[in-house]
Amino acid sequence: MFEYDDEMAVEFIRNYLPLDLKEKFTDDTVYYILDVICEFYEKRDWLDDDDEEKEEQELTRFIIEQAAKDGIGQFTEEEIKLVLVAEAAYSDTLEIPE
């Protein structure tokens, strides 16, 4: 497995996003979201493999709430889900092909 690189992840995510969201999700915003994702899992100290949809909804809400609270911006669930899909796609590139 290759090592997760935040800089490469941010570049990958921004390239993955549709053109109309690239301006809204600056490098700094994506770094912030990656930090909030880590915070979410550190606070919970678990992954819920039994209900991934519920976990994704909780994570999405957590990111939206934290971003609003920290003055980073207002995001819709759909926008955050696109970022999460892009982050997952980046993580998949770190897997060694079988």
Protein backbone atom coordinates (compact mmCIF):
# COMPACT_ATOMS: atom_id res chain seq x y z
CA MET A 1 0.00 0.00 0.00
CA PHE A 2 1.24 3.47 -0.86
CA GLU A 3 1.29 6.24 1.71
CA TYR A 4 -1.54 8.79 1.86
CA ASP A 5 -0.22 12.16 0.75
CA ASP A 6 -2.40 15.15 1.67
CA GLU A 7 -0.99 17.34 -1.09
CA MET A 8 -1.63 14.70 -3.74
CA ALA A 9 -5.07 14.02 -2.27
CA VAL A 10 -6.03 17.69 -2.50
CA GLU A 11 -4.83 17.89 -6.11
CA PHE A 12 -6.68 14.68 -6.99
CA ILE A 13 -9.91 15.82 -5.32
CA ARG A 14 -9.86 19.26 -6.97
CA ASN A 15 -9.26 17.65 -10.37
CA TYR A 16 -12.10 15.20 -9.72
CA LEU A 17 -14.65 17.92 -8.91
CA PRO A 18 -16.84 19.44 -11.64
CA LEU A 19 -15.60 22.75 -13.02
CA ASP A 20 -18.35 24.75 -11.28
CA LEU A 21 -17.13 23.56 -7.85
CA LYS A 22 -13.39 24.07 -8.34
CA GLU A 23 -13.63 27.73 -7.31
CA LYS A 24 -15.73 26.96 -4.24
CA PHE A 25 -13.42 24.18 -3.08
CA THR A 26 -10.00 25.82 -2.95
CA ASP A 27 -6.91 23.90 -1.85
CA ASP A 28 -7.35 25.31 1.65
CA THR A 29 -11.00 24.26 1.77
CA VAL A 30 -10.17 20.71 0.71
CA TYR A 31 -7.34 20.51 3.29
CA TYR A 32 -9.85 21.68 5.89
CA ILE A 33 -12.36 19.00 4.88
CA LEU A 34 -9.67 16.30 5.04
CA ASP A 35 -8.85 17.47 8.58
CA VAL A 36 -12.55 17.38 9.56
CA ILE A 37 -12.85 13.85 8.16
CA CYS A 38 -9.97 12.78 10.43
CA GLU A 39 -11.55 14.59 13.37
CA PHE A 40 -14.86 12.81 12.73
CA TYR A 41 -13.24 9.37 12.90
CA GLU A 42 -10.99 10.26 15.84
CA LYS A 43 -14.03 11.34 17.88
CA ARG A 44 -15.90 8.17 17.05
CA ASP A 45 -12.93 5.81 17.08
CA TRP A 46 -14.81 3.34 14.84
CA LEU A 47 -15.96 2.59 11.35
CA ASP A 48 -19.48 1.25 10.91
CA ASP A 49 -19.11 -1.38 8.19
CA ASP A 50 -22.68 -2.51 8.88
CA ASP A 51 -24.27 0.77 7.87
CA GLU A 52 -21.97 2.72 5.54
CA GLU A 53 -24.84 4.90 4.32
CA LYS A 54 -25.64 6.08 7.85
CA GLU A 55 -21.97 6.71 8.53
CA GLU A 56 -21.65 8.76 5.32
CA GLN A 57 -24.71 10.82 6.28
CA GLU A 58 -23.28 11.52 9.73
CA LEU A 59 -19.90 12.45 8.25
CA THR A 60 -21.52 14.73 5.66
CA ARG A 61 -23.57 16.52 8.33
CA PHE A 62 -20.52 16.82 10.58
CA ILE A 63 -18.47 18.45 7.80
CA ILE A 64 -21.27 20.88 6.91
CA GLU A 65 -21.78 21.85 10.56
CA GLN A 66 -18.06 22.27 11.29
CA ALA A 67 -17.46 24.32 8.12
CA ALA A 68 -20.33 26.66 9.02
CA LYS A 69 -19.20 26.92 12.65
CA ASP A 70 -15.58 27.64 11.64
CA GLY A 71 -16.60 30.17 8.99
CA ILE A 72 -15.16 28.12 6.12
CA GLY A 73 -18.32 28.21 4.04
CA GLN A 74 -21.80 26.92 3.44
CA PHE A 75 -21.94 23.60 1.63
CA THR A 76 -24.76 21.37 0.47
CA GLU A 77 -24.90 17.65 1.17
CA GLU A 78 -24.43 16.99 -2.56
CA GLU A 79 -21.26 19.10 -2.69
CA ILE A 80 -19.73 17.39 0.33
CA LYS A 81 -20.68 13.96 -1.01
CA LEU A 82 -18.81 14.78 -4.23
CA VAL A 83 -15.73 15.62 -2.17
CA LEU A 84 -16.11 12.36 -0.22
CA VAL A 85 -16.44 10.36 -3.45
CA ALA A 86 -13.31 12.08 -4.79
CA GLU A 87 -11.41 11.36 -1.57
CA ALA A 88 -12.45 7.70 -1.72
CA ALA A 89 -11.33 7.54 -5.36
CA TYR A 90 -7.95 8.94 -4.33
CA SER A 91 -7.68 6.40 -1.52
CA ASP A 92 -8.47 3.64 -4.02
CA THR A 93 -5.44 4.69 -6.08
CA LEU A 94 -3.25 3.81 -3.10
CA GLU A 95 -4.26 0.16 -3.20
CA ILE A 96 -1.80 -2.24 -4.80
CA PRO A 97 -3.41 -3.87 -7.83
CA GLU A 98 -3.97 -7.60 -7.49
